[in-house]
Protein backbone atom coordinates (compact mmCIF):
# COMPACT_ATOMS: atom_id res chain seq x y z
CA MET A 1 121.78 -66.96 -42.21
CA SER A 2 120.55 -64.13 -44.42
CA ARG A 3 117.79 -64.62 -46.94
CA ILE A 4 117.55 -62.85 -50.28
CA ASN A 5 114.32 -61.04 -49.36
CA PRO A 6 114.03 -60.80 -45.57
CA THR A 7 110.72 -59.81 -44.03
CA PRO A 8 110.52 -56.32 -42.47
CA ALA A 9 110.70 -57.87 -38.98
CA GLU A 10 113.96 -59.62 -39.86
CA ARG A 11 115.51 -56.67 -41.66
CA GLN A 12 118.06 -54.63 -39.74
CA PHE A 13 118.40 -51.13 -41.12
CA ASP A 14 121.82 -49.88 -42.15
CA GLU A 15 122.68 -46.84 -40.03
CA GLY A 16 124.25 -45.06 -43.01
CA ARG A 17 121.01 -45.46 -44.97
CA LEU A 18 118.94 -44.20 -42.02
CA MET A 19 121.04 -41.03 -41.91
CA GLN A 20 120.05 -40.32 -45.53
CA VAL A 21 116.34 -41.22 -45.36
CA LEU A 22 115.22 -37.88 -43.88
CA VAL A 23 116.00 -35.15 -46.41
CA ALA A 24 114.55 -32.10 -44.63
CA PRO A 25 111.77 -31.04 -42.27
CA ILE A 26 108.85 -29.31 -43.95
CA ILE A 27 108.01 -26.04 -42.23
CA SER A 28 104.78 -24.68 -43.69
CA GLU A 29 101.49 -23.35 -42.42
CA LYS A 30 99.81 -26.73 -42.90
CA ALA A 31 102.69 -28.62 -41.22
CA THR A 32 102.57 -26.25 -38.23
CA MET A 33 98.80 -26.74 -37.86
CA VAL A 34 99.22 -30.53 -37.98
CA ALA A 35 102.01 -30.34 -35.39
CA GLU A 36 99.87 -28.35 -32.96
CA LYS A 37 96.73 -30.42 -33.50
CA SER A 38 98.03 -34.01 -33.50
CA ASN A 39 101.65 -33.96 -32.27
CA ALA A 40 103.00 -34.84 -35.74
CA VAL A 41 106.06 -33.67 -37.64
CA VAL A 42 106.34 -33.49 -41.44
CA PHE A 43 109.54 -34.52 -43.25
CA LYS A 44 110.64 -34.62 -46.86
CA VAL A 45 112.07 -38.13 -47.34
CA LEU A 46 113.77 -40.16 -50.06
CA ARG A 47 111.45 -41.36 -52.84
CA ASN A 48 112.18 -45.04 -52.07
CA ALA A 49 112.00 -44.79 -48.25
CA THR A 50 109.62 -47.17 -46.47
CA LYS A 51 107.53 -46.49 -43.38
CA PRO A 52 109.65 -48.74 -41.10
CA GLU A 53 112.82 -47.01 -42.35
CA ILE A 54 111.36 -43.56 -41.68
CA LYS A 55 110.27 -44.61 -38.18
CA ALA A 56 113.71 -46.04 -37.39
CA ALA A 57 115.46 -42.94 -38.76
CA VAL A 58 113.40 -40.50 -36.67
CA GLU A 59 113.88 -42.60 -33.52
CA LEU A 60 117.63 -42.84 -34.16
CA LEU A 61 118.27 -39.18 -35.02
CA PHE A 62 115.93 -37.43 -32.56
CA LYS A 63 115.71 -40.00 -29.70
CA VAL A 64 111.88 -39.92 -29.58
CA ASP A 65 109.18 -42.62 -29.66
CA VAL A 66 107.17 -42.77 -32.89
CA LYS A 67 103.53 -43.84 -32.79
CA ALA A 68 102.82 -44.03 -36.54
CA VAL A 69 104.05 -42.91 -39.95
CA SER A 70 101.89 -41.82 -42.89
CA VAL A 71 103.44 -41.23 -46.28
CA LEU A 72 102.27 -39.42 -49.38
CA ASN A 73 103.76 -38.84 -52.81
CA VAL A 74 103.37 -35.38 -54.33
CA LYS A 75 103.80 -35.17 -58.09
CA GLY A 76 105.90 -32.26 -59.34
CA LYS A 77 104.04 -29.43 -61.03
CA THR A 78 104.72 -28.45 -64.61
CA LYS A 79 105.68 -24.76 -64.65
CA ARG A 80 106.51 -22.26 -67.38
CA PHE A 81 109.70 -20.25 -67.40
CA GLY A 82 109.15 -17.77 -70.21
CA ARG A 83 108.91 -19.84 -73.36
CA THR A 84 110.31 -23.04 -71.90
CA MET A 85 108.41 -25.59 -69.88
CA GLY A 86 109.94 -26.83 -66.66
CA ARG A 87 108.99 -29.29 -63.95
CA ARG A 88 109.30 -29.24 -60.19
CA ALA A 89 110.72 -32.35 -58.58
CA HIS A 90 108.48 -35.13 -57.25
CA VAL A 91 108.44 -35.18 -53.43
CA ARG A 92 107.64 -37.87 -50.86
CA LYS A 93 106.34 -36.51 -47.54
CA ALA A 94 106.19 -38.39 -44.25
CA TYR A 95 103.83 -37.40 -41.45
CA VAL A 96 105.41 -38.80 -38.28
CA LEU A 97 103.04 -39.05 -35.29
CA LEU A 98 104.86 -38.94 -31.96
CA LYS A 99 103.67 -40.69 -28.81
CA GLU A 100 102.12 -38.69 -25.98
CA GLY A 101 104.60 -36.55 -24.07
CA GLN A 102 107.19 -36.65 -26.89
CA ALA A 103 108.36 -33.47 -28.59
CA LEU A 104 110.71 -32.72 -31.48
CA ASN A 105 112.82 -29.55 -31.46
CA LEU A 106 113.51 -28.49 -35.06
CA SER A 107 114.42 -24.87 -34.26
CA GLY A 108 118.06 -25.75 -33.58
CA GLU A 109 118.05 -24.41 -30.01
CA ALA A 110 119.62 -26.51 -27.27
CA ALA A 111 116.97 -28.03 -25.02
């Protein structure tokens, strides 16, 4: 029997939704330093994605064990383009900590 608002433990994630949760990996100087220091990977995720969804998506897509997920919302900057004012998009980042001995290959090379 399904309830209107199931608890996170009861909720089964839709595989189609999990395929859309991760938008792109973030490859930057800071993300590379975090990856080397604490075995974490940084992803750009959907604005309404939850931590359990992000964890399930990474485990499903990359076949790795996730230790923890930290999320942060970055507000878009207001920028000028000549006379007009523009705005960068808001972004939600997920720092995904992998368990010991786990690695994620984002370079596209076959392992």
